[in-house]
Amino acid sequence: MTDITIWHNARCSKSRQTLALLKEKGFEPSVHEYLKEAPERTQILQALVKLGMGAHDLIRTGESLYKELGFSKETPDKVLVQAMHENPILIERPIVFANDKAAIGRPPEQVLDIL
């Protein structure tokens, strides 16, 4: 059985839907409530590599904190990664990790591609 981890926010409908989909498909993922225990910078960097994207693609630009911090497309990845570590609400969710890959559950079915 594949080891699966989900960075989960129980208050997010897409996160709940993704977790339910995984369970419906017979998987029992390890649930990491990333708002309660923020991922380390190295974990965020590893997620970016597995997702094949830059930090700006993973950050929630619609979050009011993004604007309050004065971020833009020009903000360096290093700054964004630090901000996501310090303020995990900025991390797009949910992220599912399996088979040394990762996928964002938007839509939830997208995570099935890495299983």
N, C-alpha and C. Protein backbone atom coordinates (compact mmCIF):
# COMPACT_ATOMS: atom_id res chain seq x y z
N MET A 1 0.85 -1.18 0.00
CA MET A 1 0.00 0.00 0.00
C MET A 1 0.89 1.24 0.00
N THR A 2 0.53 2.20 -0.79
CA THR A 2 1.27 3.44 -0.93
C THR A 2 1.10 4.31 0.32
N ASP A 3 2.22 4.90 0.78
CA ASP A 3 2.14 5.87 1.87
C ASP A 3 1.63 7.18 1.29
N ILE A 4 0.58 7.68 1.87
CA ILE A 4 -0.04 8.93 1.40
C ILE A 4 -0.17 9.87 2.58
N THR A 5 0.20 11.13 2.35
CA THR A 5 0.05 12.17 3.35
C THR A 5 -0.73 13.32 2.72
N ILE A 6 -1.61 13.91 3.51
CA ILE A 6 -2.35 15.08 3.05
C ILE A 6 -2.10 16.23 4.02
N TRP A 7 -1.72 17.39 3.45
CA TRP A 7 -1.68 18.62 4.25
C TRP A 7 -3.12 19.11 4.23
N HIS A 8 -3.76 19.02 5.37
CA HIS A 8 -5.21 19.15 5.47
C HIS A 8 -5.63 20.33 6.33
N ASN A 9 -6.70 20.99 5.90
CA ASN A 9 -7.35 22.03 6.69
C ASN A 9 -8.82 21.63 6.76
N ALA A 10 -9.26 21.19 7.91
CA ALA A 10 -10.62 20.68 8.07
C ALA A 10 -11.69 21.74 7.80
N ARG A 11 -11.33 23.00 7.84
CA ARG A 11 -12.30 24.08 7.58
C ARG A 11 -12.46 24.36 6.08
N CYS A 12 -11.63 23.73 5.26
CA CYS A 12 -11.65 23.96 3.81
C CYS A 12 -12.45 22.86 3.12
N SER A 13 -13.44 23.24 2.33
CA SER A 13 -14.29 22.24 1.67
C SER A 13 -13.50 21.38 0.69
N LYS A 14 -12.57 21.97 -0.05
CA LYS A 14 -11.78 21.18 -1.01
C LYS A 14 -10.89 20.17 -0.27
N SER A 15 -10.39 20.57 0.87
CA SER A 15 -9.56 19.67 1.67
C SER A 15 -10.40 18.51 2.20
N ARG A 16 -11.58 18.82 2.70
CA ARG A 16 -12.48 17.76 3.18
C ARG A 16 -12.89 16.82 2.04
N GLN A 17 -13.19 17.40 0.88
CA GLN A 17 -13.58 16.59 -0.27
C GLN A 17 -12.45 15.69 -0.73
N THR A 18 -11.23 16.21 -0.72
CA THR A 18 -10.08 15.42 -1.15
C THR A 18 -9.83 14.27 -0.19
N LEU A 19 -9.89 14.54 1.10
CA LEU A 19 -9.71 13.49 2.10
C LEU A 19 -10.79 12.43 1.95
N ALA A 20 -12.03 12.84 1.75
CA ALA A 20 -13.14 11.89 1.58
C ALA A 20 -12.94 11.05 0.32
N LEU A 21 -12.47 11.67 -0.76
CA LEU A 21 -12.21 10.95 -2.01
C LEU A 21 -11.14 9.88 -1.81
N LEU A 22 -10.07 10.23 -1.13
CA LEU A 22 -9.00 9.26 -0.86
C LEU A 22 -9.54 8.07 -0.08
N LYS A 23 -10.33 8.35 0.94
CA LYS A 23 -10.89 7.27 1.75
C LYS A 23 -11.88 6.44 0.94
N GLU A 24 -12.66 7.10 0.10
CA GLU A 24 -13.62 6.40 -0.76
C GLU A 24 -12.91 5.43 -1.71
N LYS A 25 -11.69 5.80 -2.12
CA LYS A 25 -10.89 4.97 -3.02
C LYS A 25 -10.10 3.90 -2.27
N GLY A 26 -10.29 3.83 -0.95
CA GLY A 26 -9.66 2.78 -0.15
C GLY A 26 -8.32 3.15 0.47
N PHE A 27 -7.96 4.42 0.41
CA PHE A 27 -6.69 4.87 0.99
C PHE A 27 -6.93 5.43 2.39
N GLU A 28 -5.95 5.25 3.26
CA GLU A 28 -5.99 5.83 4.60
C GLU A 28 -4.78 6.75 4.75
N PRO A 29 -4.91 7.97 4.27
CA PRO A 29 -3.77 8.88 4.32
C PRO A 29 -3.42 9.33 5.73
N SER A 30 -2.15 9.64 5.90
CA SER A 30 -1.70 10.29 7.12
C SER A 30 -2.12 11.76 6.99
N VAL A 31 -2.82 12.27 7.99
CA VAL A 31 -3.35 13.63 7.92
C VAL A 31 -2.45 14.57 8.71
N HIS A 32 -1.91 15.55 8.02
CA HIS A 32 -1.08 16.58 8.66
C HIS A 32 -1.89 17.88 8.67
N GLU A 33 -2.34 18.27 9.85
CA GLU A 33 -3.08 19.52 9.96
C GLU A 33 -2.08 20.66 10.01
N TYR A 34 -1.75 21.14 8.83
CA TYR A 34 -0.63 22.07 8.68
C TYR A 34 -0.86 23.43 9.32
N LEU A 35 -2.10 23.78 9.62
CA LEU A 35 -2.34 25.04 10.31
C LEU A 35 -1.98 24.94 11.80
N LYS A 36 -2.08 23.73 12.33
CA LYS A 36 -1.73 23.51 13.74
C LYS A 36 -0.24 23.29 13.92
N GLU A 37 0.38 22.66 12.93
CA GLU A 37 1.83 22.41 12.94
C GLU A 37 2.37 22.78 11.57
N ALA A 38 2.89 23.98 11.48
CA ALA A 38 3.35 24.51 10.20
C ALA A 38 4.49 23.69 9.62
N PRO A 39 4.45 23.45 8.32
CA PRO A 39 5.57 22.75 7.68
C PRO A 39 6.85 23.58 7.80
N GLU A 40 7.96 22.89 7.96
CA GLU A 40 9.27 23.56 7.98
C GLU A 40 9.56 24.09 6.57
N ARG A 41 10.47 25.04 6.49
CA ARG A 41 10.85 25.59 5.19
C ARG A 41 11.31 24.48 4.24
N THR A 42 12.10 23.54 4.77
CA THR A 42 12.59 22.46 3.92
C THR A 42 11.44 21.61 3.38
N GLN A 43 10.40 21.41 4.19
CA GLN A 43 9.24 20.63 3.74
C GLN A 43 8.49 21.38 2.63
N ILE A 44 8.39 22.69 2.77
CA ILE A 44 7.72 23.49 1.74
C ILE A 44 8.53 23.44 0.45
N LEU A 45 9.85 23.56 0.57
CA LEU A 45 10.71 23.48 -0.62
C LEU A 45 10.59 22.12 -1.30
N GLN A 46 10.55 21.05 -0.50
CA GLN A 46 10.38 19.70 -1.07
C GLN A 46 9.02 19.58 -1.76
N ALA A 47 7.99 20.17 -1.17
CA ALA A 47 6.66 20.15 -1.77
C ALA A 47 6.68 20.85 -3.13
N LEU A 48 7.37 21.98 -3.19
CA LEU A 48 7.46 22.73 -4.46
C LEU A 48 8.13 21.89 -5.54
N VAL A 49 9.19 21.18 -5.18
CA VAL A 49 9.89 20.31 -6.15
C VAL A 49 8.94 19.21 -6.62
N LYS A 50 8.27 18.56 -5.68
CA LYS A 50 7.37 17.46 -6.04
C LYS A 50 6.17 17.94 -6.85
N LEU A 51 5.74 19.17 -6.60
CA LEU A 51 4.63 19.75 -7.35
C LEU A 51 5.09 20.30 -8.70
N GLY A 52 6.40 20.56 -8.80
CA GLY A 52 6.94 21.13 -10.04
C GLY A 52 6.51 22.57 -10.25
N MET A 53 6.49 23.35 -9.15
CA MET A 53 6.06 24.73 -9.26
C MET A 53 6.90 25.65 -8.39
N GLY A 54 6.76 26.93 -8.64
CA GLY A 54 7.43 27.94 -7.83
C GLY A 54 6.57 28.33 -6.64
N ALA A 55 7.17 29.04 -5.71
CA ALA A 55 6.48 29.40 -4.47
C ALA A 55 5.23 30.25 -4.74
N HIS A 56 5.30 31.12 -5.72
CA HIS A 56 4.14 31.99 -5.99
C HIS A 56 2.94 31.17 -6.47
N ASP A 57 3.19 30.02 -7.09
CA ASP A 57 2.11 29.17 -7.55
C ASP A 57 1.43 28.43 -6.39
N LEU A 58 2.13 28.31 -5.26
CA LEU A 58 1.60 27.58 -4.11
C LEU A 58 0.96 28.50 -3.08
N ILE A 59 1.23 29.78 -3.19
CA ILE A 59 0.73 30.71 -2.17
C ILE A 59 -0.68 31.17 -2.54
N ARG A 60 -1.48 31.35 -1.52
CA ARG A 60 -2.88 31.80 -1.71
C ARG A 60 -2.90 33.32 -1.87
N THR A 61 -2.89 33.77 -3.12
CA THR A 61 -2.82 35.21 -3.39
C THR A 61 -4.11 35.94 -3.00
N GLY A 62 -5.21 35.22 -2.85
CA GLY A 62 -6.46 35.84 -2.45
C GLY A 62 -6.59 36.03 -0.95
N GLU A 63 -5.66 35.47 -0.22
CA GLU A 63 -5.66 35.59 1.25
C GLU A 63 -5.30 37.04 1.60
N SER A 64 -6.04 37.66 2.51
CA SER A 64 -5.80 39.07 2.87
C SER A 64 -4.36 39.28 3.37
N LEU A 65 -3.81 38.29 4.05
CA LEU A 65 -2.44 38.40 4.56
C LEU A 65 -1.43 38.58 3.43
N TYR A 66 -1.69 37.95 2.29
CA TYR A 66 -0.80 38.09 1.13
C TYR A 66 -0.68 39.58 0.76
N LYS A 67 -1.81 40.24 0.71
CA LYS A 67 -1.82 41.67 0.35
C LYS A 67 -1.21 42.52 1.48
N GLU A 68 -1.55 42.17 2.74
CA GLU A 68 -1.03 42.91 3.88
C GLU A 68 0.49 42.88 3.93
N LEU A 69 1.07 41.75 3.53
CA LEU A 69 2.52 41.60 3.55
C LEU A 69 3.17 42.26 2.33
N GLY A 70 2.37 42.75 1.40
CA GLY A 70 2.88 43.47 0.25
C GLY A 70 3.50 42.58 -0.81
N PHE A 71 3.09 41.33 -0.87
CA PHE A 71 3.65 40.39 -1.84
C PHE A 71 3.08 40.62 -3.24
N SER A 72 3.85 40.19 -4.23
CA SER A 72 3.44 40.27 -5.63
C SER A 72 4.14 39.14 -6.38
N LYS A 73 3.90 39.07 -7.69
CA LYS A 73 4.56 38.05 -8.51
C LYS A 73 6.08 38.21 -8.48
N GLU A 74 6.56 39.40 -8.17
CA GLU A 74 8.00 39.66 -8.14
C GLU A 74 8.66 39.28 -6.81
N THR A 75 7.87 38.95 -5.81
CA THR A 75 8.43 38.58 -4.51
C THR A 75 9.26 37.31 -4.66
N PRO A 76 10.51 37.31 -4.20
CA PRO A 76 11.37 36.13 -4.34
C PRO A 76 10.81 34.89 -3.63
N ASP A 77 11.04 33.73 -4.23
CA ASP A 77 10.58 32.47 -3.65
C ASP A 77 11.02 32.31 -2.20
N LYS A 78 12.25 32.68 -1.90
CA LYS A 78 12.78 32.53 -0.53
C LYS A 78 11.90 33.27 0.47
N VAL A 79 11.45 34.45 0.12
CA VAL A 79 10.61 35.26 1.00
C VAL A 79 9.23 34.60 1.15
N LEU A 80 8.69 34.11 0.04
CA LEU A 80 7.37 33.46 0.08
C LEU A 80 7.40 32.17 0.88
N VAL A 81 8.46 31.39 0.73
CA VAL A 81 8.58 30.13 1.49
C VAL A 81 8.65 30.44 2.98
N GLN A 82 9.41 31.43 3.36
CA GLN A 82 9.49 31.83 4.77
C GLN A 82 8.12 32.27 5.27
N ALA A 83 7.41 33.04 4.46
CA ALA A 83 6.08 33.52 4.85
C ALA A 83 5.11 32.35 5.00
N MET A 84 5.18 31.35 4.12
CA MET A 84 4.30 30.19 4.24
C MET A 84 4.61 29.38 5.50
N HIS A 85 5.89 29.32 5.85
CA HIS A 85 6.28 28.63 7.08
C HIS A 85 5.73 29.37 8.30
N GLU A 86 5.86 30.69 8.31
CA GLU A 86 5.43 31.49 9.45
C GLU A 86 3.90 31.67 9.49
N ASN A 87 3.26 31.60 8.32
CA ASN A 87 1.82 31.83 8.20
C ASN A 87 1.23 30.75 7.29
N PRO A 88 1.07 29.54 7.79
CA PRO A 88 0.67 28.44 6.91
C PRO A 88 -0.70 28.63 6.24
N ILE A 89 -1.49 29.59 6.71
CA ILE A 89 -2.76 29.89 6.04
C ILE A 89 -2.52 30.31 4.59
N LEU A 90 -1.30 30.73 4.29
CA LEU A 90 -0.96 31.17 2.94
C LEU A 90 -0.74 30.00 1.96
N ILE A 91 -0.62 28.79 2.48
CA ILE A 91 -0.35 27.63 1.62
C ILE A 91 -1.64 27.15 0.96
N GLU A 92 -1.59 27.00 -0.35
CA GLU A 92 -2.74 26.44 -1.07
C GLU A 92 -3.01 25.05 -0.55
N ARG A 93 -4.28 24.67 -0.52
CA ARG A 93 -4.64 23.39 0.06
C ARG A 93 -5.72 22.72 -0.74
N PRO A 94 -5.84 21.44 -0.51
CA PRO A 94 -4.94 20.52 0.20
C PRO A 94 -3.82 20.06 -0.72
N ILE A 95 -2.74 19.57 -0.13
CA ILE A 95 -1.65 18.97 -0.90
C ILE A 95 -1.56 17.52 -0.48
N VAL A 96 -1.54 16.64 -1.47
CA VAL A 96 -1.41 15.20 -1.21
C VAL A 96 -0.06 14.76 -1.72
N PHE A 97 0.64 13.97 -0.90
CA PHE A 97 1.95 13.44 -1.24
C PHE A 97 1.86 11.93 -1.33
N ALA A 98 2.37 11.36 -2.43
CA ALA A 98 2.40 9.90 -2.62
C ALA A 98 3.38 9.58 -3.73
N ASN A 99 4.06 8.46 -3.61
CA ASN A 99 4.96 7.98 -4.67
C ASN A 99 5.99 9.03 -5.08
N ASP A 100 6.53 9.75 -4.09
CA ASP A 100 7.54 10.78 -4.31
C ASP A 100 7.05 11.90 -5.23
N LYS A 101 5.74 12.10 -5.26
CA LYS A 101 5.12 13.17 -6.04
C LYS A 101 4.15 13.90 -5.13
N ALA A 102 3.60 14.99 -5.64
CA ALA A 102 2.59 15.73 -4.90
C ALA A 102 1.59 16.31 -5.88
N ALA A 103 0.39 16.58 -5.37
CA ALA A 103 -0.66 17.21 -6.17
C ALA A 103 -1.55 18.03 -5.26
N ILE A 104 -2.05 19.13 -5.80
CA ILE A 104 -2.99 19.96 -5.06
C ILE A 104 -4.39 19.48 -5.42
N GLY A 105 -5.22 19.31 -4.42
CA GLY A 105 -6.57 18.80 -4.61
C GLY A 105 -7.56 19.85 -5.06
N ARG A 106 -7.28 20.50 -6.14
CA ARG A 106 -8.17 21.50 -6.76
C ARG A 106 -8.21 21.24 -8.24
N PRO A 107 -9.13 20.48 -8.72
CA PRO A 107 -10.21 19.80 -8.01
C PRO A 107 -9.67 18.55 -7.27
N PRO A 108 -10.45 18.02 -6.34
CA PRO A 108 -9.98 16.87 -5.56
C PRO A 108 -9.50 15.70 -6.41
N GLU A 109 -10.15 15.44 -7.54
CA GLU A 109 -9.79 14.30 -8.40
C GLU A 109 -8.36 14.40 -8.94
N GLN A 110 -7.80 15.58 -8.93
CA GLN A 110 -6.45 15.79 -9.44
C GLN A 110 -5.42 14.97 -8.68
N VAL A 111 -5.67 14.69 -7.41
CA VAL A 111 -4.70 13.94 -6.61
C VAL A 111 -4.63 12.47 -7.02
N LEU A 112 -5.65 11.97 -7.68
CA LEU A 112 -5.66 10.56 -8.08
C LEU A 112 -4.55 10.26 -9.10
N ASP A 113 -4.09 11.29 -9.82
CA ASP A 113 -3.04 11.11 -10.82
C ASP A 113 -1.71 10.65 -10.24
N ILE A 114 -1.47 10.89 -8.95
CA ILE A 114 -0.18 10.51 -8.36
C ILE A 114 -0.24 9.21 -7.58
N LEU A 115 -1.43 8.59 -7.52
CA LEU A 115 -1.59 7.36 -6.73
C LEU A 115 -1.31 6.13 -7.56
